[in-house]
Amino acid sequence: MGKSFYTLLILLVFSVFTAKPVRGEGIRGPLQVYAESLALSGTSLENGTEINWSSTQEYYVVKFVIQRADHSLNFRDYFEVTASNEDAQNHYQHLDPYPRTINYYRIKVVNVDGEEAFSKTIHVSRGEEIARPDELSEGVVIYPNPAPVYGKVNLRLDKPGNINRISLSKYDGDDAPSVLIGESGYRNQVEFILPESTTPGIYLLHCQIDGNRICKKLVID
């Protein structure tokens, strides 16, 4: 065999071991193998669920999309992160501020050709969900709303339940702590007086109802 044969053989072996690994080829091609190799983890914190993952060799990766699902495992796109494309160990982190009690997460990897592959699924559970401020829960009524400063506010449940804890915080997301209004057990209706420190503005009324945390918007004028 001549030198040309050995040269060709060396080039072939070199191309196999240096091929960029994340351009899709088939159902379980390099892109899917790469996605399943992502070091994905989740941690339940007081202020939400922290999602972490790390990867290497992001040659053809355009973005990572965090997908979230409840116990139905019906995954939906939740948050998108642009890939660093650095030839090193890349670390990513995102906080899900409004997790449910049962949460499943996975990473959708998208490459330059628009192909998609999915990481392994992780499960993160917590004692109670953190409700979105704009998710006004049905069956929980606040009146009057708007309420006058230093005035009385009524909280009523339209269905059987127990109100265990009530607190108030600013709606604009500043670092001011919430003000505890009461935490003894109530039935499905309670009347309370707004704290003296309350000023006109938009607030969140946090209610602990039968172990579930519910937020309602309250306007004070």
N, C-alpha and C. Protein backbone atom coordinates (compact mmCIF):
# COMPACT_ATOMS: atom_id res chain seq x y z
N MET A 1 0.84 -1.19 0.00
CA MET A 1 0.00 0.00 0.00
C MET A 1 0.88 1.25 0.00
N GLY A 2 0.47 2.26 -0.83
CA GLY A 2 1.27 3.44 -0.96
C GLY A 2 1.00 4.45 0.14
N LYS A 3 1.78 5.53 0.11
CA LYS A 3 1.64 6.58 1.11
C LYS A 3 0.28 7.24 1.03
N SER A 4 -0.27 7.29 -0.20
CA SER A 4 -1.56 7.97 -0.36
C SER A 4 -2.66 7.24 0.41
N PHE A 5 -2.59 5.90 0.47
CA PHE A 5 -3.60 5.12 1.22
C PHE A 5 -3.52 5.44 2.71
N TYR A 6 -2.30 5.43 3.25
CA TYR A 6 -2.14 5.70 4.67
C TYR A 6 -2.52 7.15 5.01
N THR A 7 -2.23 8.05 4.10
CA THR A 7 -2.63 9.44 4.31
C THR A 7 -4.13 9.58 4.37
N LEU A 8 -4.82 8.88 3.44
CA LEU A 8 -6.28 8.91 3.42
C LEU A 8 -6.86 8.29 4.69
N LEU A 9 -6.25 7.19 5.14
CA LEU A 9 -6.73 6.50 6.35
C LEU A 9 -6.57 7.42 7.58
N ILE A 10 -5.44 8.10 7.68
CA ILE A 10 -5.19 9.01 8.80
C ILE A 10 -6.21 10.15 8.79
N LEU A 11 -6.46 10.70 7.62
CA LEU A 11 -7.44 11.80 7.51
C LEU A 11 -8.83 11.34 7.89
N LEU A 12 -9.20 10.09 7.52
CA LEU A 12 -10.51 9.55 7.84
C LEU A 12 -10.67 9.38 9.35
N VAL A 13 -9.67 8.80 9.99
CA VAL A 13 -9.72 8.61 11.44
C VAL A 13 -9.78 9.95 12.15
N PHE A 14 -8.99 10.91 11.70
CA PHE A 14 -8.96 12.23 12.31
C PHE A 14 -10.32 12.92 12.20
N SER A 15 -10.97 12.77 11.04
CA SER A 15 -12.28 13.42 10.85
C SER A 15 -13.34 12.81 11.74
N VAL A 16 -13.24 11.51 12.03
CA VAL A 16 -14.21 10.85 12.90
C VAL A 16 -14.09 11.38 14.32
N PHE A 17 -12.88 11.51 14.81
CA PHE A 17 -12.67 11.90 16.21
C PHE A 17 -12.74 13.40 16.44
N THR A 18 -12.73 14.19 15.39
CA THR A 18 -12.80 15.65 15.57
C THR A 18 -14.09 16.22 15.00
N ALA A 19 -15.01 15.37 14.58
CA ALA A 19 -16.26 15.87 14.01
C ALA A 19 -17.04 16.66 15.05
N LYS A 20 -17.62 17.75 14.63
CA LYS A 20 -18.41 18.56 15.54
C LYS A 20 -19.70 17.81 15.85
N PRO A 21 -20.03 17.62 17.15
CA PRO A 21 -20.96 16.59 17.55
C PRO A 21 -22.43 16.96 17.59
N VAL A 22 -22.83 18.18 17.25
CA VAL A 22 -24.20 18.53 17.52
C VAL A 22 -25.01 18.89 16.28
N ARG A 23 -24.59 18.45 15.14
CA ARG A 23 -25.40 18.63 13.94
C ARG A 23 -26.17 17.34 13.72
N GLY A 24 -27.48 17.44 13.60
CA GLY A 24 -28.32 16.26 13.65
C GLY A 24 -28.13 15.30 12.50
N GLU A 25 -28.19 14.02 12.80
CA GLU A 25 -28.15 12.96 11.79
C GLU A 25 -29.05 11.84 12.28
N GLY A 26 -30.32 11.86 11.87
CA GLY A 26 -31.21 10.78 12.30
C GLY A 26 -31.85 11.07 13.64
N ILE A 27 -32.73 10.14 14.07
CA ILE A 27 -33.49 10.32 15.29
C ILE A 27 -32.60 10.40 16.50
N ARG A 28 -31.58 9.54 16.59
CA ARG A 28 -30.65 9.59 17.72
C ARG A 28 -29.25 9.87 17.21
N GLY A 29 -29.17 10.90 16.39
CA GLY A 29 -27.87 11.31 15.87
C GLY A 29 -27.10 12.11 16.90
N PRO A 30 -26.02 12.76 16.48
CA PRO A 30 -25.17 13.51 17.40
C PRO A 30 -25.92 14.56 18.21
N LEU A 31 -26.92 15.23 17.62
CA LEU A 31 -27.63 16.28 18.35
C LEU A 31 -28.39 15.70 19.54
N GLN A 32 -29.06 14.57 19.34
CA GLN A 32 -29.81 13.98 20.45
C GLN A 32 -28.87 13.43 21.52
N VAL A 33 -27.79 12.81 21.12
CA VAL A 33 -26.80 12.31 22.08
C VAL A 33 -26.23 13.47 22.87
N TYR A 34 -25.95 14.57 22.18
CA TYR A 34 -25.43 15.76 22.85
C TYR A 34 -26.43 16.30 23.87
N ALA A 35 -27.70 16.39 23.47
CA ALA A 35 -28.73 16.93 24.37
C ALA A 35 -28.86 16.07 25.63
N GLU A 36 -28.81 14.78 25.47
CA GLU A 36 -28.94 13.89 26.62
C GLU A 36 -27.72 13.94 27.54
N SER A 37 -26.62 14.49 27.04
CA SER A 37 -25.41 14.57 27.86
C SER A 37 -25.37 15.84 28.72
N LEU A 38 -26.33 16.75 28.53
CA LEU A 38 -26.34 17.99 29.32
C LEU A 38 -26.49 17.66 30.80
N ALA A 39 -25.68 18.30 31.63
CA ALA A 39 -25.75 18.11 33.08
C ALA A 39 -26.84 19.02 33.63
N LEU A 40 -28.08 18.52 33.67
CA LEU A 40 -29.24 19.32 34.07
C LEU A 40 -29.64 18.98 35.50
N SER A 41 -29.91 20.02 36.30
CA SER A 41 -30.33 19.81 37.69
C SER A 41 -31.29 20.93 38.09
N GLY A 42 -32.08 20.68 39.13
CA GLY A 42 -33.02 21.67 39.63
C GLY A 42 -33.06 21.64 41.14
N THR A 43 -33.18 22.81 41.75
CA THR A 43 -33.21 22.92 43.20
C THR A 43 -34.38 23.79 43.62
N SER A 44 -35.17 23.30 44.56
CA SER A 44 -36.31 24.05 45.08
C SER A 44 -35.83 25.04 46.14
N LEU A 45 -36.06 26.32 45.91
CA LEU A 45 -35.67 27.38 46.83
C LEU A 45 -36.90 28.10 47.36
N GLU A 46 -36.70 28.95 48.34
CA GLU A 46 -37.84 29.69 48.92
C GLU A 46 -38.49 30.60 47.89
N ASN A 47 -37.69 31.18 46.99
CA ASN A 47 -38.22 32.13 46.02
C ASN A 47 -38.43 31.53 44.64
N GLY A 48 -38.42 30.22 44.52
CA GLY A 48 -38.68 29.59 43.23
C GLY A 48 -37.86 28.32 43.04
N THR A 49 -37.73 27.89 41.80
CA THR A 49 -36.94 26.71 41.46
C THR A 49 -35.78 27.12 40.57
N GLU A 50 -34.57 26.78 40.99
CA GLU A 50 -33.37 27.14 40.24
C GLU A 50 -33.00 26.00 39.30
N ILE A 51 -32.88 26.33 38.01
CA ILE A 51 -32.51 25.35 36.98
C ILE A 51 -31.08 25.62 36.55
N ASN A 52 -30.25 24.58 36.59
CA ASN A 52 -28.85 24.69 36.18
C ASN A 52 -28.52 23.62 35.15
N TRP A 53 -27.71 23.99 34.18
CA TRP A 53 -27.16 22.98 33.27
C TRP A 53 -25.82 23.46 32.72
N SER A 54 -25.05 22.52 32.27
CA SER A 54 -23.73 22.83 31.71
C SER A 54 -23.52 22.00 30.45
N SER A 55 -22.69 22.51 29.56
CA SER A 55 -22.45 21.82 28.29
C SER A 55 -21.08 22.21 27.76
N THR A 56 -20.63 21.45 26.77
CA THR A 56 -19.37 21.74 26.08
C THR A 56 -19.59 21.57 24.58
N GLN A 57 -18.66 22.07 23.79
CA GLN A 57 -18.67 21.88 22.34
C GLN A 57 -19.99 22.31 21.70
N GLU A 58 -20.33 23.57 21.89
CA GLU A 58 -21.58 24.10 21.35
C GLU A 58 -21.39 24.64 19.93
N TYR A 59 -20.75 23.88 19.08
CA TYR A 59 -20.35 24.38 17.77
C TYR A 59 -21.53 24.85 16.93
N TYR A 60 -22.57 24.05 16.85
CA TYR A 60 -23.70 24.38 15.99
C TYR A 60 -24.95 24.72 16.78
N VAL A 61 -24.84 24.85 18.08
CA VAL A 61 -26.01 25.14 18.91
C VAL A 61 -26.34 26.63 18.84
N VAL A 62 -27.62 26.95 18.60
CA VAL A 62 -28.07 28.33 18.55
C VAL A 62 -28.65 28.76 19.89
N LYS A 63 -29.47 27.90 20.49
CA LYS A 63 -30.12 28.28 21.74
C LYS A 63 -30.55 27.05 22.53
N PHE A 64 -30.78 27.30 23.81
CA PHE A 64 -31.36 26.32 24.72
C PHE A 64 -32.73 26.86 25.16
N VAL A 65 -33.72 26.02 25.15
CA VAL A 65 -35.06 26.42 25.58
C VAL A 65 -35.47 25.56 26.77
N ILE A 66 -35.71 26.20 27.91
CA ILE A 66 -36.20 25.47 29.08
C ILE A 66 -37.68 25.16 28.85
N GLN A 67 -38.03 23.90 28.98
CA GLN A 67 -39.43 23.49 28.88
C GLN A 67 -39.91 23.02 30.25
N ARG A 68 -41.15 23.32 30.55
CA ARG A 68 -41.72 22.98 31.86
C ARG A 68 -43.05 22.26 31.68
N ALA A 69 -43.34 21.34 32.60
CA ALA A 69 -44.61 20.60 32.56
C ALA A 69 -45.03 20.26 33.98
N ASP A 70 -46.32 20.02 34.15
CA ASP A 70 -46.82 19.51 35.43
C ASP A 70 -46.92 18.00 35.34
N HIS A 71 -47.75 17.41 36.18
CA HIS A 71 -47.83 15.94 36.21
C HIS A 71 -48.35 15.35 34.91
N SER A 72 -48.97 16.18 34.05
CA SER A 72 -49.47 15.68 32.76
C SER A 72 -48.35 15.43 31.76
N LEU A 73 -47.15 15.98 32.06
CA LEU A 73 -45.98 15.88 31.17
C LEU A 73 -46.24 16.48 29.80
N ASN A 74 -47.12 17.47 29.75
CA ASN A 74 -47.36 18.22 28.52
C ASN A 74 -46.41 19.41 28.52
N PHE A 75 -45.22 19.22 27.96
CA PHE A 75 -44.17 20.23 28.03
C PHE A 75 -44.48 21.44 27.15
N ARG A 76 -44.17 22.62 27.69
CA ARG A 76 -44.30 23.87 26.95
C ARG A 76 -43.01 24.68 27.09
N ASP A 77 -42.67 25.43 26.04
CA ASP A 77 -41.50 26.31 26.11
C ASP A 77 -41.73 27.33 27.22
N TYR A 78 -40.69 27.53 28.02
CA TYR A 78 -40.84 28.42 29.18
C TYR A 78 -39.85 29.59 29.12
N PHE A 79 -38.57 29.32 28.83
CA PHE A 79 -37.56 30.37 28.83
C PHE A 79 -36.47 30.00 27.84
N GLU A 80 -35.95 31.01 27.14
CA GLU A 80 -34.97 30.78 26.08
C GLU A 80 -33.62 31.41 26.43
N VAL A 81 -32.54 30.68 26.19
CA VAL A 81 -31.19 31.16 26.47
C VAL A 81 -30.34 30.98 25.22
N THR A 82 -29.64 32.03 24.82
CA THR A 82 -28.74 31.95 23.67
C THR A 82 -27.48 31.18 24.06
N ALA A 83 -27.05 30.27 23.20
CA ALA A 83 -25.86 29.47 23.48
C ALA A 83 -24.61 30.34 23.44
N SER A 84 -23.67 30.03 24.33
CA SER A 84 -22.42 30.80 24.39
C SER A 84 -21.51 30.51 23.22
N ASN A 85 -21.56 29.27 22.71
CA ASN A 85 -20.71 28.82 21.61
C ASN A 85 -19.22 28.93 21.91
N GLU A 86 -18.88 28.83 23.18
CA GLU A 86 -17.48 28.84 23.57
C GLU A 86 -16.98 27.40 23.68
N ASP A 87 -15.77 27.19 23.24
CA ASP A 87 -15.19 25.84 23.26
C ASP A 87 -14.65 25.56 24.66
N ALA A 88 -15.58 25.49 25.62
CA ALA A 88 -15.19 25.28 27.01
C ALA A 88 -16.41 24.75 27.75
N GLN A 89 -16.28 24.56 29.06
CA GLN A 89 -17.41 24.14 29.88
C GLN A 89 -18.28 25.37 30.15
N ASN A 90 -19.47 25.39 29.60
CA ASN A 90 -20.37 26.53 29.75
C ASN A 90 -21.46 26.21 30.77
N HIS A 91 -21.71 27.14 31.67
CA HIS A 91 -22.70 26.93 32.72
C HIS A 91 -23.86 27.92 32.54
N TYR A 92 -25.08 27.41 32.73
CA TYR A 92 -26.27 28.24 32.58
C TYR A 92 -27.14 28.08 33.82
N GLN A 93 -27.87 29.16 34.13
CA GLN A 93 -28.72 29.14 35.32
C GLN A 93 -29.95 30.01 35.07
N HIS A 94 -31.08 29.54 35.56
CA HIS A 94 -32.31 30.34 35.47
C HIS A 94 -33.20 30.02 36.66
N LEU A 95 -33.86 31.05 37.17
CA LEU A 95 -34.78 30.88 38.30
C LEU A 95 -36.21 30.92 37.79
N ASP A 96 -36.95 29.85 38.04
CA ASP A 96 -38.38 29.82 37.76
C ASP A 96 -39.08 30.38 39.00
N PRO A 97 -39.58 31.62 38.94
CA PRO A 97 -40.12 32.24 40.15
C PRO A 97 -41.52 31.77 40.52
N TYR A 98 -42.19 31.06 39.60
CA TYR A 98 -43.57 30.65 39.86
C TYR A 98 -43.78 29.15 39.61
N PRO A 99 -43.06 28.31 40.32
CA PRO A 99 -43.22 26.87 40.11
C PRO A 99 -44.51 26.35 40.74
N ARG A 100 -44.97 25.21 40.23
CA ARG A 100 -46.11 24.53 40.81
C ARG A 100 -45.60 23.57 41.89
N THR A 101 -46.52 22.80 42.47
CA THR A 101 -46.09 21.83 43.47
C THR A 101 -45.34 20.67 42.83
N ILE A 102 -45.73 20.32 41.61
CA ILE A 102 -45.05 19.26 40.85
C ILE A 102 -44.54 19.88 39.55
N ASN A 103 -43.24 19.78 39.33
CA ASN A 103 -42.63 20.41 38.16
C ASN A 103 -41.68 19.45 37.46
N TYR A 104 -41.81 19.38 36.15
CA TYR A 104 -40.87 18.62 35.33
C TYR A 104 -40.20 19.60 34.38
N TYR A 105 -38.90 19.47 34.24
CA TYR A 105 -38.15 20.36 33.36
C TYR A 105 -37.28 19.53 32.41
N ARG A 106 -37.04 20.10 31.23
CA ARG A 106 -36.07 19.55 30.30
C ARG A 106 -35.57 20.69 29.43
N ILE A 107 -34.48 20.46 28.72
CA ILE A 107 -33.88 21.47 27.85
C ILE A 107 -34.07 21.05 26.40
N LYS A 108 -34.63 21.94 25.61
CA LYS A 108 -34.70 21.72 24.16
C LYS A 108 -33.50 22.41 23.52
N VAL A 109 -32.71 21.64 22.79
CA VAL A 109 -31.52 22.17 22.12
C VAL A 109 -31.87 22.42 20.65
N VAL A 110 -31.58 23.61 20.16
CA VAL A 110 -31.86 23.96 18.77
C VAL A 110 -30.55 24.31 18.08
N ASN A 111 -30.29 23.68 16.92
CA ASN A 111 -29.04 23.96 16.22
C ASN A 111 -29.26 24.90 15.04
N VAL A 112 -28.20 25.17 14.28
CA VAL A 112 -28.25 26.16 13.21
C VAL A 112 -29.18 25.73 12.08
N ASP A 113 -29.47 24.44 11.97
CA ASP A 113 -30.37 23.95 10.93
C ASP A 113 -31.83 23.94 11.39
N GLY A 114 -32.08 24.42 12.61
CA GLY A 114 -33.44 24.42 13.13
C GLY A 114 -33.88 23.08 13.70
N GLU A 115 -32.96 22.11 13.77
CA GLU A 115 -33.29 20.81 14.33
C GLU A 115 -33.33 20.89 15.85
N GLU A 116 -34.15 20.04 16.45
CA GLU A 116 -34.35 20.07 17.89
C GLU A 116 -34.05 18.71 18.51
N ALA A 117 -33.57 18.75 19.72
CA ALA A 117 -33.35 17.53 20.50
C ALA A 117 -33.59 17.89 21.96
N PHE A 118 -33.82 16.87 22.80
CA PHE A 118 -34.26 17.13 24.16
C PHE A 118 -33.36 16.42 25.17
N SER A 119 -33.10 17.14 26.26
CA SER A 119 -32.31 16.57 27.34
C SER A 119 -33.14 15.56 28.12
N LYS A 120 -32.51 14.95 29.09
CA LYS A 120 -33.26 14.10 30.00
C LYS A 120 -34.17 14.98 30.86
N THR A 121 -35.26 14.41 31.34
CA THR A 121 -36.23 15.15 32.15
C THR A 121 -35.89 15.02 33.63
N ILE A 122 -36.01 16.16 34.35
CA ILE A 122 -35.81 16.13 35.80
C ILE A 122 -37.13 16.50 36.48
N HIS A 123 -37.28 16.07 37.72
CA HIS A 123 -38.49 16.32 38.50
C HIS A 123 -38.11 17.11 39.75
N VAL A 124 -38.77 18.25 39.97
CA VAL A 124 -38.54 19.07 41.16
C VAL A 124 -39.89 19.35 41.81
N SER A 125 -40.07 18.94 43.06
CA SER A 125 -41.34 19.15 43.75
C SER A 125 -41.13 20.11 44.91
N ARG A 126 -42.22 20.69 45.38
CA ARG A 126 -42.16 21.61 46.51
C ARG A 126 -43.48 21.50 47.28
N GLY A 127 -43.48 22.02 48.51
CA GLY A 127 -44.65 21.87 49.36
C GLY A 127 -45.86 22.64 48.87
N GLU A 128 -45.61 23.82 48.24
CA GLU A 128 -46.71 24.63 47.75
C GLU A 128 -46.24 25.40 46.53
N GLU A 129 -47.19 25.76 45.67
CA GLU A 129 -46.83 26.51 44.49
C GLU A 129 -46.69 27.99 44.82
N ILE A 130 -45.96 28.71 43.97
CA ILE A 130 -45.87 30.16 44.08
C ILE A 130 -46.70 30.73 42.94
N ALA A 131 -47.80 31.35 43.28
CA ALA A 131 -48.73 31.82 42.26
C ALA A 131 -48.22 33.09 41.59
N ARG A 132 -48.50 33.24 40.31
CA ARG A 132 -48.16 34.46 39.62
C ARG A 132 -49.04 35.60 40.13
N PRO A 133 -48.48 36.81 40.23
CA PRO A 133 -49.30 37.93 40.67
C PRO A 133 -50.50 38.19 39.77
N ASP A 134 -50.37 37.93 38.48
CA ASP A 134 -51.46 38.23 37.57
C ASP A 134 -52.42 37.05 37.40
N GLU A 135 -52.18 35.95 38.11
CA GLU A 135 -53.11 34.84 38.06
C GLU A 135 -54.15 35.04 39.16
N LEU A 136 -55.19 35.77 38.84
CA LEU A 136 -56.21 36.06 39.83
C LEU A 136 -57.08 34.83 40.01
N SER A 137 -56.95 34.20 41.15
CA SER A 137 -57.59 32.92 41.39
C SER A 137 -59.11 33.08 41.46
N GLU A 138 -59.76 32.18 40.78
CA GLU A 138 -61.22 32.20 40.80
C GLU A 138 -61.73 31.83 42.18
N GLY A 139 -62.83 32.44 42.56
CA GLY A 139 -63.46 32.09 43.82
C GLY A 139 -62.91 32.82 45.03
N VAL A 140 -61.91 33.73 44.82
CA VAL A 140 -61.37 34.53 45.91
C VAL A 140 -61.72 35.99 45.62
N VAL A 141 -62.50 36.59 46.50
CA VAL A 141 -63.02 37.94 46.24
C VAL A 141 -62.50 38.90 47.31
N ILE A 142 -62.01 40.07 46.85
CA ILE A 142 -61.59 41.15 47.75
C ILE A 142 -62.49 42.36 47.50
N TYR A 143 -63.03 42.93 48.55
CA TYR A 143 -63.85 44.12 48.41
C TYR A 143 -63.77 44.97 49.68
N PRO A 144 -63.83 46.29 49.56
CA PRO A 144 -63.83 47.03 48.27
C PRO A 144 -62.44 46.99 47.63
N ASN A 145 -62.41 47.13 46.35
CA ASN A 145 -61.15 47.14 45.61
C ASN A 145 -61.34 48.02 44.38
N PRO A 146 -60.86 49.25 44.40
CA PRO A 146 -59.91 49.89 45.32
C PRO A 146 -60.45 50.07 46.73
N ALA A 147 -59.50 50.08 47.68
CA ALA A 147 -59.84 50.26 49.09
C ALA A 147 -59.23 51.57 49.58
N PRO A 148 -59.87 52.23 50.53
CA PRO A 148 -59.31 53.48 51.06
C PRO A 148 -58.16 53.22 52.03
N VAL A 149 -57.24 54.17 52.12
CA VAL A 149 -56.13 54.06 53.07
C VAL A 149 -56.69 53.94 54.49
N TYR A 150 -56.13 53.06 55.27
CA TYR A 150 -56.55 52.76 56.65
C TYR A 150 -57.97 52.19 56.72
N GLY A 151 -58.53 51.84 55.57
CA GLY A 151 -59.89 51.33 55.56
C GLY A 151 -59.96 49.84 55.84
N LYS A 152 -61.19 49.34 55.88
CA LYS A 152 -61.43 47.92 56.09
C LYS A 152 -61.53 47.20 54.75
N VAL A 153 -60.99 45.98 54.72
CA VAL A 153 -61.02 45.16 53.52
C VAL A 153 -61.60 43.80 53.88
N ASN A 154 -62.45 43.29 53.01
CA ASN A 154 -63.04 41.97 53.21
C ASN A 154 -62.46 40.98 52.21
N LEU A 155 -62.16 39.81 52.70
CA LEU A 155 -61.67 38.72 51.87
C LEU A 155 -62.65 37.56 52.01
N ARG A 156 -63.18 37.10 50.87
CA ARG A 156 -64.21 36.07 50.92
C ARG A 156 -63.91 34.96 49.91
N LEU A 157 -64.17 33.73 50.31
CA LEU A 157 -64.05 32.58 49.42
C LEU A 157 -65.45 32.19 48.96
N ASP A 158 -65.60 31.99 47.66
CA ASP A 158 -66.90 31.60 47.12
C ASP A 158 -67.14 30.10 47.25
N LYS A 159 -66.16 29.37 47.75
CA LYS A 159 -66.32 27.93 47.95
C LYS A 159 -65.74 27.58 49.31
N PRO A 160 -66.09 26.45 49.87
CA PRO A 160 -65.60 26.08 51.21
C PRO A 160 -64.07 26.09 51.27
N GLY A 161 -63.55 26.61 52.37
CA GLY A 161 -62.11 26.66 52.54
C GLY A 161 -61.76 27.42 53.80
N ASN A 162 -60.47 27.39 54.17
CA ASN A 162 -60.00 28.06 55.37
C ASN A 162 -58.86 29.01 55.02
N ILE A 163 -59.00 30.25 55.44
CA ILE A 163 -57.95 31.26 55.24
C ILE A 163 -57.04 31.21 56.45
N ASN A 164 -55.77 30.86 56.23
CA ASN A 164 -54.84 30.65 57.34
C ASN A 164 -53.89 31.80 57.59
N ARG A 165 -53.58 32.57 56.55
CA ARG A 165 -52.56 33.62 56.71
C ARG A 165 -52.80 34.69 55.66
N ILE A 166 -52.63 35.95 56.04
CA ILE A 166 -52.82 37.07 55.12
C ILE A 166 -51.65 38.04 55.29
N SER A 167 -51.04 38.44 54.19
CA SER A 167 -49.98 39.44 54.24
C SER A 167 -50.10 40.35 53.02
N LEU A 168 -49.43 41.49 53.09
CA LEU A 168 -49.55 42.51 52.05
C LEU A 168 -48.16 42.97 51.63
N SER A 169 -47.93 43.11 50.31
CA SER A 169 -46.64 43.60 49.81
C SER A 169 -46.87 44.49 48.60
N LYS A 170 -45.86 45.29 48.27
CA LYS A 170 -45.96 46.17 47.11
C LYS A 170 -45.97 45.34 45.84
N TYR A 171 -46.68 45.82 44.83
CA TYR A 171 -46.82 45.10 43.57
C TYR A 171 -45.64 45.32 42.63
N ASP A 172 -44.91 46.43 42.80
CA ASP A 172 -43.90 46.82 41.81
C ASP A 172 -42.61 46.04 41.90
N GLY A 173 -42.55 45.02 42.77
CA GLY A 173 -41.39 44.14 42.80
C GLY A 173 -40.20 44.70 43.54
N ASP A 174 -40.37 45.74 44.38
CA ASP A 174 -39.21 46.24 45.12
C ASP A 174 -38.88 45.29 46.26
N ASP A 175 -37.85 45.61 47.02
CA ASP A 175 -37.36 44.71 48.06
C ASP A 175 -38.04 44.91 49.41
N ALA A 176 -39.09 45.73 49.46
CA ALA A 176 -39.78 45.96 50.72
C ALA A 176 -40.43 44.67 51.20
N PRO A 177 -40.25 44.31 52.46
CA PRO A 177 -40.83 43.06 52.95
C PRO A 177 -42.35 43.15 53.04
N SER A 178 -43.00 42.02 53.01
CA SER A 178 -44.46 41.99 53.15
C SER A 178 -44.84 42.24 54.61
N VAL A 179 -46.03 42.79 54.79
CA VAL A 179 -46.53 43.10 56.12
C VAL A 179 -47.55 42.03 56.50
N LEU A 180 -47.32 41.36 57.61
CA LEU A 180 -48.23 40.32 58.06
C LEU A 180 -49.47 40.95 58.66
N ILE A 181 -50.63 40.56 58.18
CA ILE A 181 -51.89 41.09 58.69
C ILE A 181 -52.50 40.14 59.72
N GLY A 182 -52.41 38.86 59.47
CA GLY A 182 -52.94 37.88 60.41
C GLY A 182 -52.59 36.48 59.98
N GLU A 183 -52.46 35.56 60.92
CA GLU A 183 -52.13 34.19 60.57
C GLU A 183 -52.89 33.16 61.40
N SER A 184 -53.88 33.59 62.14
CA SER A 184 -54.72 32.60 62.83
C SER A 184 -55.74 32.04 61.85
N GLY A 185 -56.34 30.93 62.19
CA GLY A 185 -57.27 30.29 61.29
C GLY A 185 -58.58 31.04 61.14
N TYR A 186 -58.97 31.27 59.89
CA TYR A 186 -60.25 31.91 59.61
C TYR A 186 -61.11 30.92 58.82
N ARG A 187 -62.37 31.20 58.77
CA ARG A 187 -63.25 30.43 57.90
C ARG A 187 -63.12 30.97 56.48
N ASN A 188 -64.21 30.97 55.74
CA ASN A 188 -64.11 31.39 54.34
C ASN A 188 -64.36 32.88 54.15
N GLN A 189 -64.36 33.66 55.25
CA GLN A 189 -64.50 35.10 55.11
C GLN A 189 -63.82 35.79 56.29
N VAL A 190 -63.14 36.91 56.01
CA VAL A 190 -62.46 37.66 57.06
C VAL A 190 -62.45 39.14 56.70
N GLU A 191 -62.58 39.99 57.71
CA GLU A 191 -62.48 41.43 57.53
C GLU A 191 -61.28 41.94 58.32
N PHE A 192 -60.47 42.79 57.71
CA PHE A 192 -59.29 43.30 58.39
C PHE A 192 -59.09 44.77 58.05
N ILE A 193 -58.32 45.45 58.88
CA ILE A 193 -57.99 46.87 58.67
C ILE A 193 -56.59 46.95 58.09
N LEU A 194 -56.42 47.76 57.07
CA LEU A 194 -55.11 47.91 56.45
C LEU A 194 -54.11 48.50 57.43
N PRO A 195 -52.84 48.08 57.39
CA PRO A 195 -51.82 48.60 58.31
C PRO A 195 -51.64 50.11 58.16
N GLU A 196 -51.25 50.76 59.26
CA GLU A 196 -51.06 52.21 59.24
C GLU A 196 -49.95 52.65 58.30
N SER A 197 -49.01 51.75 58.04
CA SER A 197 -47.88 52.09 57.16
C SER A 197 -48.26 52.07 55.68
N THR A 198 -49.48 51.65 55.38
CA THR A 198 -49.91 51.53 53.99
C THR A 198 -50.12 52.91 53.35
N THR A 199 -49.58 53.10 52.16
CA THR A 199 -49.77 54.33 51.39
C THR A 199 -50.48 53.99 50.08
N PRO A 200 -51.06 54.97 49.41
CA PRO A 200 -51.74 54.68 48.14
C PRO A 200 -50.82 54.01 47.13
N GLY A 201 -51.36 53.06 46.41
CA GLY A 201 -50.58 52.34 45.41
C GLY A 201 -51.21 51.00 45.10
N ILE A 202 -50.46 50.19 44.38
CA ILE A 202 -50.91 48.85 43.98
C ILE A 202 -50.17 47.83 44.83
N TYR A 203 -50.90 46.89 45.40
CA TYR A 203 -50.34 45.90 46.31
C TYR A 203 -50.74 44.49 45.89
N LEU A 204 -50.05 43.54 46.51
CA LEU A 204 -50.43 42.14 46.40
C LEU A 204 -50.88 41.66 47.76
N LEU A 205 -52.06 41.09 47.79
CA LEU A 205 -52.57 40.49 49.02
C LEU A 205 -52.29 38.99 48.93
N HIS A 206 -51.40 38.50 49.80
CA HIS A 206 -51.02 37.09 49.80
C HIS A 206 -51.91 36.33 50.79
N CYS A 207 -52.55 35.31 50.31
CA CYS A 207 -53.47 34.54 51.14
C CYS A 207 -53.02 33.08 51.18
N GLN A 208 -52.94 32.53 52.37
CA GLN A 208 -52.65 31.12 52.54
C GLN A 208 -54.00 30.43 52.76
N ILE A 209 -54.45 29.70 51.75
CA ILE A 209 -55.78 29.09 51.80
C ILE A 209 -55.64 27.59 51.64
N ASP A 210 -55.93 26.87 52.71
CA ASP A 210 -55.85 25.40 52.70
C ASP A 210 -54.51 24.91 52.17
N GLY A 211 -53.43 25.59 52.58
CA GLY A 211 -52.09 25.16 52.19
C GLY A 211 -51.63 25.68 50.85
N ASN A 212 -52.49 26.39 50.11
CA ASN A 212 -52.12 26.94 48.81
C ASN A 212 -51.92 28.44 48.92
N ARG A 213 -50.86 28.94 48.33
CA ARG A 213 -50.58 30.38 48.34
C ARG A 213 -51.24 31.03 47.14
N ILE A 214 -52.06 32.04 47.39
CA ILE A 214 -52.78 32.74 46.33
C ILE A 214 -52.50 34.23 46.45
N CYS A 215 -52.25 34.88 45.34
CA CYS A 215 -51.99 36.32 45.31
C CYS A 215 -53.13 37.03 44.59
N LYS A 216 -53.58 38.13 45.15
CA LYS A 216 -54.61 38.96 44.53
C LYS A 216 -54.13 40.40 44.52
N LYS A 217 -54.43 41.09 43.43
CA LYS A 217 -54.05 42.50 43.32
C LYS A 217 -55.05 43.36 44.10
N LEU A 218 -54.52 44.29 44.88
CA LEU A 218 -55.35 45.20 45.68
C LEU A 218 -54.87 46.62 45.44
N VAL A 219 -55.79 47.49 45.03
CA VAL A 219 -55.47 48.89 44.80
C VAL A 219 -55.93 49.69 46.01
N ILE A 220 -55.03 50.52 46.53
CA ILE A 220 -55.33 51.36 47.68
C ILE A 220 -55.22 52.81 47.26
N ASP A 221 -56.29 53.56 47.46
CA ASP A 221 -56.25 54.97 47.04
C ASP A 221 -56.63 55.90 48.18
